[in-house]
Structure formats: C-alpha cells, structure tokens
Amino acid sequence: MKYASFWDTLQQPIIALAPMDGVTDAPCRTMHGLYGRPDVVLTEFTNVEGLWRGGDRIFRDFLYTPAERPVVAQIFGCQPEYFYKAAHVVCELGFDGLDINMGCPAKTVANHGGGAALIRVPETAKAIIRAAQQGVRDWANGQTLEDLEMDPERIRRIRQMNEERVRIWGDHARIKRRLLPVSVKTRLGYDSIVITDWVQELLELEPHVISIHGRTLAQHYKGDANWEAIAAAAEIVRKTDTLILGNGDILSLYQAAQRIRTSGVSGVLIGRASFGNPWLFRDREQLKKLLNAGINPTAEDLPEAAPSREERLLMALEHARVHAKLKGEDHFVELRKHMGWYLGHFRGAKRVRNELVRINSLADVERIITAALDRGEENDEDGLVAPQEETQDLQLDVSCAC
C-alpha cells in the first residue's frame, strides 16, 4: 500500500538531479543543493551486498549533507534478501527515500543480473521491490541493525556518519523511525521497447515514483531518447497514485518544460546538463509557475545561466572546499573532472583548466584559482570561449544515469 511521503509535498512538475555514477557524489549534490535547489537529488548507485559486507568506500558513496534534502539513496543488485537489509541501512542513515536501480546498462552490473537486466525477469524485480518495502516497514516498526546481526564495526561506522553530519553540517540529530518511500528507476526495455508492459508490472507493487530513461539497455546512450515511449508509459502511470519522471537528453530548463508539457510526466530528472552547472535549476519555480498557469514557456522565459568568469572560478573553489570537508584530501583525483566542467566559456579558460586537472590537494586549487582571480580576464592569454565539448565529456561513464 502506498503511504504519504515527501514526494506528495512537492509541487509538480518535479525538477530533480539525476543520479550519475562517478559524478553526483556528495560534494556535487551539495553544490546543487546550495545554489540550484533541485526538488530532489539521488545518490550515486550503491551495491546492496557492499552495504552489508563490503569495504569502507561503500559508505563514502552514502555521504550526504542537509543542503541536499530531500535526498534519496539509490541502490542496485539482484538478490532480494540484500535489498531487505540495505533498506535498513538507508533508513538508519536518515535518507528521505530509497530508489531501486533497474536501468543501469553497464556490463559490470547487467551481466550480474542487476540494473536493466531486471527488466527481463519481472518476478525477480517485483521480489526486490517487495523486499525493500518490507525492510522499510520493519525498520520503521523498530527492527535494528543489531537484530539483523550486522557487523558491529559497520554499525559503529553508520552511526559515526550520522554524528559527523550533525556536528559538521548541522543536520537534525534524531533519525525518526518512519516509512521511507520506495521508488524505481528504469529504462524502456532491454533490447526492445517494452515499457508499457513493464511499467504495469512495476505498478503492481505501488512504488511512489517510477523514473524512466528513454532508451533501452542495448542502446546505452546512443541515439535520441524516445520521449514518445515515455509519454505512452506516462499515460498508464497517471491513472494511478504513482508519480512518473522522465529522463534523457534534457539540456536546459526550457527543454525540460517542453518535455513535461508534451509527454505528460510528473517531472524530469536532469543529468549531463548539470555538469559544472549548479545554476541550472535556479529558475525551476518560474518553470512551474508558467506550466501550472497553462503557459507554454519560451526560451526567453527560461534562459540558460550565463555565469561570469569570476563566478565560475569562485564556484569551483567552493566545490573544492566542500569536497575536502566531506571526503578529505586523499580523494582529490575525483574532483579533477568537476574542475574541468566549471571552467569553460571564458577567455583563458583552457589555461586554468589545464592546471586544475592536475590537482592533488585543496591547496593546489586555492593557489591556481587565486592566481586566476588576481590575474583577471584582461591578462589571460588570447583565445576566447572554450568549446562545449571540451568542458563536457559525453563519453564519461555515467552508468547510473539510466
């Protein structure tokens, strides 16, 4: 049975940040939460078995800050019993919701029966949703990680994460035992489009949300997202209490508005357009106002952000500081791509970007950006705007952006 959740409090259409493996880590999501305020953010996908018995790195994937709320934990795997256990971990960490990845096309996931491979085995997929929903219910009713005989050191680590989030970021101190909404993110099919049949299988379990990427697993990210197929699914889902979000090839809020208007979805997940662009979501309230008033927005109504050179440099610097605060300085290699995405579209961008993609510490970032700010645009070398393709690597493995 579907129960009330934060999803029901959001004004539609919902404009959310898509989960992308290797991109939307806690520092990235925090920057979007602080400066763009998407309606919802989802974590990078995390393996359910790893949550129960894997290395400490798995918990770094579940770091988050209050700026991200509402924040939904996305998990993947193929064994229902581990989804039941993982649901307890998600609840214990104080997330606002739980999302099941049934759309990842990566071979490392699908060949092991997870992600989009679950589209081929609907009974297993439904058993996974039931297990996650039961795990949420049992945790809300008082079942503990100790009751499930989780390793005591892992329990200690989970509770330490909660304490650190309160102490460092000012999150609320008490994790309430409540029912978290369970949602599903999927694709149009495995090697052919079967979304109208597949979505009806999923609706039997009454998930709070179904998010659909407009390609099959076989397509990966080739070709155009099929929004006509998403619209066909939306027509079915709208007859229920479940929300439907569309995903794929949305490069701006203007495009988001057009997809929402023509497909009938409850909202969208925006992925690659967010790279180095926390400003992307800033006009989402204007989008909602226009669509809810029955107005078809123009590109002028929802202009793309055009931050200045200084704004881009300062945003990159703040991202680096948030990264250091959350993850420490042992993981600055992970930050390099984000620095590259921020620093395009101004005179001399290539020079600064080439320095920042070699960083190993916060001190490196502060030195390079301070020098660029002091130097000023007029003293940068000749050469104008960096081409878009230089700042957004479309071949990056965003396997969770399904």
Protein backbone atom coordinates (compact mmCIF):
# COMPACT_ATOMS: atom_id res chain seq x y z
CA MET A 1 0.00 0.00 0.00
CA LYS A 2 1.30 3.45 -0.94
CA TYR A 3 1.69 5.79 2.04
CA ALA A 4 2.26 9.53 2.33
CA SER A 5 5.83 10.73 1.75
CA PHE A 6 7.85 13.82 0.90
CA TRP A 7 7.10 13.17 -2.78
CA ASP A 8 3.49 14.17 -2.10
CA THR A 9 4.56 17.56 -0.74
CA LEU A 10 6.48 18.60 -3.86
CA GLN A 11 4.80 20.96 -6.28
CA GLN A 12 4.63 19.45 -9.73
CA PRO A 13 6.24 19.34 -12.15
CA ILE A 14 9.18 17.95 -10.18
CA ILE A 15 12.63 19.03 -11.39
CA ALA A 16 15.29 16.72 -9.97
CA LEU A 17 19.00 15.99 -10.30
CA ALA A 18 19.59 12.58 -11.90
CA PRO A 19 21.93 10.07 -10.26
CA MET A 20 25.16 9.60 -12.22
CA ASP A 21 27.85 7.18 -11.16
CA GLY A 22 31.20 8.92 -10.76
CA VAL A 23 29.61 12.38 -10.93
CA THR A 24 26.85 13.08 -8.42
CA ASP A 25 28.80 12.40 -5.25
CA ALA A 26 28.03 14.28 -2.01
CA PRO A 27 30.10 17.41 -2.83
CA CYS A 28 28.47 17.70 -6.28
CA ARG A 29 24.96 17.23 -4.88
CA THR A 30 25.67 19.69 -2.07
CA MET A 31 26.71 22.38 -4.55
CA HIS A 32 23.48 21.85 -6.48
CA GLY A 33 21.52 21.91 -3.23
CA LEU A 34 23.09 25.19 -2.15
CA TYR A 35 22.95 27.06 -5.46
CA GLY A 36 20.34 25.43 -7.68
CA ARG A 37 17.87 23.79 -5.30
CA PRO A 38 16.54 20.92 -7.42
CA ASP A 39 13.38 19.44 -5.92
CA VAL A 40 15.14 16.13 -5.22
CA VAL A 41 18.63 14.67 -5.55
CA LEU A 42 19.58 11.00 -5.78
CA THR A 43 22.89 9.47 -4.74
CA GLU A 44 25.22 7.52 -6.99
CA PHE A 45 24.03 3.93 -7.09
CA THR A 46 25.42 1.71 -4.34
CA ASN A 47 25.60 -2.08 -4.26
CA VAL A 48 23.29 -3.72 -1.73
CA GLU A 49 25.72 -6.51 -0.86
CA GLY A 50 28.51 -3.98 -0.45
CA LEU A 51 26.43 -2.02 2.04
CA TRP A 52 26.15 -5.12 4.16
CA ARG A 53 29.64 -6.55 3.97
CA GLY A 54 31.85 -4.50 1.61
CA GLY A 55 34.74 -2.14 2.28
CA ASP A 56 34.56 1.29 3.87
CA ARG A 57 34.48 3.00 0.45
CA ILE A 58 30.86 1.93 0.08
CA PHE A 59 29.94 4.24 2.93
CA ARG A 60 31.65 7.19 1.26
CA ASP A 61 29.12 6.76 -1.54
CA PHE A 62 26.37 7.35 1.04
CA LEU A 63 27.74 10.58 2.49
CA TYR A 64 25.32 13.48 2.21
CA THR A 65 24.62 16.90 3.73
CA PRO A 66 21.42 18.67 4.80
CA ALA A 67 21.73 21.02 1.79
CA GLU A 68 20.73 18.09 -0.41
CA ARG A 69 17.39 17.31 1.21
CA PRO A 70 15.21 15.72 0.15
CA VAL A 71 17.93 13.20 -0.71
CA VAL A 72 17.17 9.70 -1.98
CA ALA A 73 19.60 6.78 -1.70
CA GLN A 74 19.84 4.71 -4.88
CA ILE A 75 20.79 1.03 -4.57
CA PHE A 76 21.34 -1.81 -7.02
CA GLY A 77 21.83 -5.56 -7.03
CA CYS A 78 19.93 -8.73 -7.86
CA GLN A 79 19.21 -10.55 -4.58
CA PRO A 80 16.01 -9.58 -2.71
CA GLU A 81 17.41 -10.53 0.71
CA TYR A 82 20.16 -7.93 0.38
CA PHE A 83 17.67 -5.26 -0.63
CA TYR A 84 15.79 -6.03 2.58
CA LYS A 85 18.98 -5.49 4.59
CA ALA A 86 20.09 -2.46 2.56
CA ALA A 87 16.74 -0.80 3.22
CA HIS A 88 17.58 -0.86 6.94
CA VAL A 89 20.92 0.85 6.25
CA VAL A 90 19.26 3.55 4.11
CA CYS A 91 16.72 4.20 6.87
CA GLU A 92 19.35 4.16 9.62
CA LEU A 93 21.37 6.81 7.75
CA GLY A 94 18.41 9.19 7.69
CA PHE A 95 17.79 9.40 3.95
CA ASP A 96 14.45 10.75 2.75
CA GLY A 97 13.75 7.95 0.29
CA LEU A 98 15.07 4.76 -1.32
CA ASP A 99 15.37 4.27 -5.08
CA ILE A 100 16.00 0.92 -6.78
CA ASN A 101 18.14 1.00 -9.92
CA MET A 102 16.56 -1.18 -12.61
CA GLY A 103 18.08 0.66 -15.54
CA CYS A 104 21.87 0.67 -15.42
CA PRO A 105 23.20 -0.59 -18.79
CA ALA A 106 26.81 -1.19 -17.68
CA LYS A 107 28.01 -4.74 -18.36
CA THR A 108 29.55 -4.99 -14.88
CA VAL A 109 26.05 -4.53 -13.43
CA ALA A 110 23.71 -6.08 -16.00
CA ASN A 111 25.83 -9.23 -16.53
CA HIS A 112 25.42 -9.97 -12.83
CA GLY A 113 21.64 -9.66 -13.02
CA GLY A 114 21.27 -6.10 -11.72
CA GLY A 115 20.27 -2.79 -13.30
CA ALA A 116 18.42 -3.05 -16.60
CA ALA A 117 18.83 -6.85 -16.64
CA LEU A 118 15.93 -6.97 -14.17
CA ILE A 119 13.58 -5.89 -16.95
CA ARG A 120 13.93 -9.43 -18.34
CA VAL A 121 12.95 -11.06 -15.03
CA PRO A 122 9.89 -9.18 -13.75
CA GLU A 123 9.17 -11.66 -10.96
CA THR A 124 12.65 -11.15 -9.51
CA ALA A 125 12.27 -7.38 -9.96
CA LYS A 126 8.99 -7.43 -8.05
CA ALA A 127 10.50 -9.60 -5.31
CA ILE A 128 13.25 -6.97 -4.93
CA ILE A 129 10.72 -4.14 -4.58
CA ARG A 130 8.74 -6.15 -2.02
CA ALA A 131 11.91 -6.87 -0.05
CA ALA A 132 12.90 -3.20 0.03
CA GLN A 133 9.39 -2.14 1.04
CA GLN A 134 9.32 -4.78 3.79
CA GLY A 135 12.73 -3.68 5.02
CA VAL A 136 11.49 -0.10 5.31
CA ARG A 137 8.39 -1.25 7.21
CA ASP A 138 10.32 -3.45 9.61
CA TRP A 139 12.83 -0.70 10.36
CA ALA A 140 10.01 1.80 10.95
CA ASN A 141 8.48 -0.73 13.37
CA GLY A 142 11.66 -0.86 15.44
CA GLN A 143 13.88 -3.56 13.95
CA THR A 144 17.56 -2.71 14.37
CA LEU A 145 20.80 -3.46 12.56
CA GLU A 146 21.78 -5.47 15.64
CA ASP A 147 18.64 -7.59 15.19
CA LEU A 148 19.86 -8.40 11.68
CA GLU A 149 23.30 -9.28 13.07
CA MET A 150 25.19 -6.71 11.06
CA ASP A 151 28.87 -6.50 11.87
CA PRO A 152 29.26 -4.25 14.95
CA GLU A 153 32.05 -2.24 13.35
CA ARG A 154 29.81 -1.40 10.38
CA ILE A 155 27.03 -0.34 12.74
CA ARG A 156 29.50 1.91 14.54
CA ARG A 157 30.58 3.44 11.21
CA ILE A 158 26.97 4.17 10.21
CA ARG A 159 26.25 5.91 13.48
CA GLN A 160 29.51 7.83 13.26
CA MET A 161 28.40 9.13 9.84
CA ASN A 162 25.18 10.40 11.38
CA GLU A 163 27.05 12.08 14.24
CA GLU A 164 29.51 13.74 11.86
CA ARG A 165 26.69 15.06 9.67
CA VAL A 166 25.12 16.69 12.74
CA ARG A 167 28.40 18.07 14.10
CA ILE A 168 29.92 19.32 10.84
CA TRP A 169 26.88 20.21 8.75
CA GLY A 170 24.17 20.98 11.32
CA ASP A 171 21.75 18.24 10.29
CA HIS A 172 18.94 17.31 12.67
CA ALA A 173 20.21 14.99 15.37
CA ARG A 174 17.41 12.46 15.57
CA ILE A 175 16.74 9.80 12.94
CA LYS A 176 12.99 9.27 13.05
CA ARG A 177 11.61 5.79 12.54
CA ARG A 178 9.25 6.41 9.68
CA LEU A 179 8.23 4.79 6.42
CA LEU A 180 10.53 5.88 3.61
CA PRO A 181 9.10 5.98 0.07
CA VAL A 182 10.44 3.33 -2.30
CA SER A 183 10.86 4.29 -5.96
CA VAL A 184 12.26 2.64 -9.11
CA LYS A 185 14.43 3.99 -11.92
CA THR A 186 14.41 2.01 -15.16
CA ARG A 187 14.62 2.07 -18.97
CA LEU A 188 12.31 1.45 -21.92
CA GLY A 189 13.39 -2.17 -22.16
CA TYR A 190 16.36 -4.49 -22.51
CA ASP A 191 16.90 -4.85 -26.27
CA SER A 192 13.46 -3.67 -27.42
CA ILE A 193 10.86 -1.22 -26.15
CA VAL A 194 8.52 -2.97 -23.72
CA ILE A 195 7.84 -0.06 -21.39
CA THR A 196 4.03 -0.18 -21.48
CA ASP A 197 4.02 -3.81 -20.33
CA TRP A 198 7.00 -3.34 -17.98
CA VAL A 199 5.56 -0.31 -16.23
CA GLN A 200 2.35 -2.24 -15.49
CA GLU A 201 4.42 -4.96 -13.82
CA LEU A 202 6.09 -2.33 -11.64
CA LEU A 203 2.78 -0.66 -10.77
CA GLU A 204 1.59 -3.87 -9.12
CA LEU A 205 3.95 -3.01 -6.25
CA GLU A 206 2.71 0.62 -5.99
CA PRO A 207 6.10 2.36 -5.92
CA HIS A 208 5.93 6.03 -5.04
CA VAL A 209 7.77 7.02 -8.22
CA ILE A 210 8.83 5.38 -11.46
CA SER A 211 11.58 7.20 -13.36
CA ILE A 212 12.18 6.21 -16.98
CA HIS A 213 15.22 6.86 -19.14
CA GLY A 214 14.16 6.99 -22.78
CA ARG A 215 16.48 4.29 -24.14
CA THR A 216 16.82 0.53 -23.90
CA LEU A 217 19.79 -1.20 -22.30
CA ALA A 218 21.06 -2.18 -25.75
CA GLN A 219 21.19 1.49 -26.77
CA HIS A 220 23.21 2.59 -23.75
CA TYR A 221 23.39 6.32 -24.62
CA LYS A 222 23.33 6.06 -28.40
CA GLY A 223 20.63 7.71 -30.49
CA ASP A 224 17.99 10.05 -29.14
CA ALA A 225 15.93 9.42 -26.02
CA ASN A 226 12.46 8.21 -27.05
CA TRP A 227 10.06 10.58 -25.35
CA GLU A 228 7.09 9.18 -27.27
CA ALA A 229 7.63 5.89 -25.43
CA ILE A 230 7.95 7.75 -22.12
CA ALA A 231 4.67 9.52 -22.90
CA ALA A 232 2.97 6.15 -23.55
CA ALA A 233 4.13 4.97 -20.12
CA ALA A 234 3.02 8.24 -18.53
CA GLU A 235 -0.49 7.73 -19.85
CA ILE A 236 -0.66 4.45 -17.93
CA VAL A 237 1.00 5.66 -14.74
CA ARG A 238 -1.16 8.80 -14.49
CA LYS A 239 -4.17 6.56 -13.82
CA THR A 240 -2.56 5.51 -10.53
CA ASP A 241 -1.18 7.25 -7.43
CA THR A 242 2.40 6.66 -8.60
CA LEU A 243 4.39 9.61 -9.97
CA ILE A 244 6.35 9.29 -13.23
CA LEU A 245 9.57 11.15 -14.05
CA GLY A 246 11.16 11.24 -17.49
CA ASN A 247 14.90 11.31 -18.18
CA GLY A 248 17.11 11.65 -21.23
CA ASP A 249 18.61 14.39 -23.44
CA ILE A 250 17.34 17.35 -21.40
CA LEU A 251 19.93 20.09 -21.79
CA SER A 252 18.09 23.05 -20.24
CA LEU A 253 15.06 24.06 -18.19
CA TYR A 254 13.41 25.18 -21.40
CA GLN A 255 13.79 21.69 -22.87
CA ALA A 256 12.55 20.24 -19.56
CA ALA A 257 9.40 22.35 -19.81
CA GLN A 258 8.73 21.18 -23.35
CA ARG A 259 9.22 17.51 -22.44
CA ILE A 260 6.91 17.81 -19.45
CA ARG A 261 4.25 19.60 -21.47
CA THR A 262 4.22 17.14 -24.37
CA SER A 263 4.77 13.84 -22.54
CA GLY A 264 2.52 14.26 -19.52
CA VAL A 265 5.15 13.21 -16.96
CA SER A 266 5.04 14.42 -13.35
CA GLY A 267 8.53 15.86 -13.74
CA VAL A 268 12.02 15.16 -15.03
CA LEU A 269 15.47 14.09 -13.95
CA ILE A 270 18.24 16.19 -15.48
CA GLY A 271 21.67 14.62 -15.83
CA ARG A 272 24.57 15.71 -18.04
CA ALA A 273 23.42 19.31 -18.42
CA SER A 274 24.21 19.68 -14.71
CA PHE A 275 27.97 19.10 -15.16
CA GLY A 276 29.76 22.09 -13.64
CA ASN A 277 26.43 23.93 -13.65
CA PRO A 278 24.79 24.37 -10.21
CA TRP A 279 22.98 27.36 -11.75
CA LEU A 280 20.94 25.01 -13.94
CA PHE A 281 17.99 24.65 -11.56
CA ARG A 282 17.73 28.28 -10.45
CA ASP A 283 14.58 29.11 -12.48
CA ARG A 284 12.66 25.93 -11.70
CA GLU A 285 9.97 27.89 -9.82
CA GLN A 286 9.42 30.04 -12.89
CA LEU A 287 9.04 26.86 -14.96
CA LYS A 288 6.42 25.52 -12.55
CA LYS A 289 4.56 28.83 -12.46
CA LEU A 290 4.29 29.03 -16.23
CA LEU A 291 3.30 25.41 -16.82
CA ASN A 292 0.77 25.37 -13.99
CA ALA A 293 -0.78 28.53 -15.44
CA GLY A 294 -1.19 26.76 -18.78
CA ILE A 295 1.50 28.86 -20.47
CA ASN A 296 3.91 27.29 -22.95
CA PRO A 297 7.29 28.77 -21.91
CA THR A 298 9.64 30.21 -24.47
CA ALA A 299 13.43 30.01 -24.35
CA GLU A 300 13.41 33.66 -23.27
CA ASP A 301 11.16 32.79 -20.32
CA LEU A 302 13.70 30.21 -19.12
CA PRO A 303 17.12 31.50 -20.24
CA GLU A 304 20.21 29.38 -19.75
CA ALA A 305 22.54 30.51 -16.99
CA ALA A 306 25.48 32.64 -18.08
CA PRO A 307 27.77 32.92 -15.05
CA SER A 308 30.77 35.20 -15.31
CA ARG A 309 34.39 34.12 -15.28
CA GLU A 310 34.68 35.15 -11.65
CA GLU A 311 31.50 33.29 -10.67
CA ARG A 312 32.78 30.12 -12.33
CA LEU A 313 36.15 30.36 -10.59
CA LEU A 314 34.59 31.01 -7.18
CA MET A 315 32.08 28.17 -7.61
CA ALA A 316 34.87 25.75 -8.50
CA LEU A 317 36.80 26.88 -5.42
CA GLU A 318 33.82 26.38 -3.13
CA HIS A 319 33.19 22.93 -4.63
CA ALA A 320 36.79 22.01 -3.81
CA ARG A 321 36.38 23.20 -0.22
CA VAL A 322 33.17 21.23 0.21
CA HIS A 323 34.91 18.17 -1.27
CA ALA A 324 37.77 18.47 1.21
CA LYS A 325 35.35 18.87 4.11
CA LEU A 326 33.33 15.82 3.12
CA LYS A 327 35.91 13.43 1.72
CA GLY A 328 39.26 14.72 2.93
CA GLU A 329 42.25 15.31 0.69
CA ASP A 330 43.01 11.68 -0.14
CA HIS A 331 40.44 11.74 -2.92
CA PHE A 332 41.15 14.90 -4.91
CA VAL A 333 41.66 12.98 -8.14
CA GLU A 334 37.86 12.52 -8.10
CA LEU A 335 37.47 16.30 -8.21
CA ARG A 336 39.51 16.97 -11.33
CA LYS A 337 36.70 16.38 -13.81
CA HIS A 338 34.41 18.75 -11.92
CA MET A 339 37.05 21.48 -12.10
CA GLY A 340 37.24 21.00 -15.86
CA TRP A 341 33.46 21.24 -16.23
CA TYR A 342 33.24 24.51 -14.30
CA LEU A 343 35.99 26.25 -16.17
CA GLY A 344 34.87 26.80 -19.71
CA HIS A 345 33.16 29.60 -21.57
CA PHE A 346 35.57 32.43 -20.80
CA ARG A 347 38.78 33.88 -22.14
CA GLY A 348 41.79 31.92 -20.92
CA ALA A 349 39.69 29.03 -19.59
CA LYS A 350 41.95 26.41 -21.12
CA ARG A 351 44.99 27.64 -19.21
CA VAL A 352 43.25 27.42 -15.82
CA ARG A 353 41.58 24.14 -16.67
CA ASN A 354 44.85 22.52 -17.69
CA GLU A 355 46.28 23.39 -14.28
CA LEU A 356 43.22 22.24 -12.32
CA VAL A 357 43.01 18.80 -13.92
CA ARG A 358 46.35 18.01 -12.22
CA ILE A 359 45.33 18.96 -8.68
CA ASN A 360 46.03 16.72 -5.68
CA SER A 361 45.01 18.95 -2.77
CA LEU A 362 42.83 21.85 -1.71
CA ALA A 363 45.96 24.00 -1.53
CA ASP A 364 46.55 23.33 -5.24
CA VAL A 365 43.02 24.51 -6.10
CA GLU A 366 43.24 27.61 -3.92
CA ARG A 367 46.60 28.59 -5.40
CA ILE A 368 45.51 28.15 -9.02
CA ILE A 369 42.14 29.89 -8.66
CA THR A 370 43.51 32.74 -6.53
CA ALA A 371 46.15 33.36 -9.19
CA ALA A 372 43.49 33.36 -11.93
CA LEU A 373 41.32 35.80 -9.98
CA ASP A 374 44.25 38.08 -9.31
CA ARG A 375 45.35 37.92 -12.93
CA GLY A 376 41.96 39.00 -14.26
CA GLU A 377 40.44 38.21 -17.62
CA GLU A 378 42.18 41.03 -19.41
CA ASN A 379 45.54 39.43 -18.63
CA ASP A 380 44.60 35.94 -19.78
CA GLU A 381 46.16 34.72 -22.98
CA ASP A 382 44.39 35.19 -26.27
CA GLY A 383 41.75 32.67 -27.15
CA LEU A 384 38.11 33.02 -26.36
CA VAL A 385 35.37 30.69 -25.23
CA ALA A 386 36.23 27.05 -24.62
CA PRO A 387 34.15 24.79 -26.86
CA GLN A 388 31.30 22.99 -25.10
CA GLU A 389 32.67 19.58 -25.98
CA GLU A 390 35.90 20.38 -24.14
CA THR A 391 34.08 21.01 -20.89
CA GLN A 392 31.54 18.18 -21.02
CA ASP A 393 32.95 14.73 -21.70
CA LEU A 394 29.96 12.91 -23.11
CA GLN A 395 31.87 9.63 -23.08
CA LEU A 396 32.19 9.69 -19.30
CA ASP A 397 30.74 6.55 -17.73
CA VAL A 398 27.55 7.80 -16.16
CA SER A 399 26.17 4.31 -15.91
CA CYS A 400 23.69 5.22 -13.21
CA ALA A 401 22.15 7.98 -15.31
CA CYS A 402 19.67 5.42 -16.54
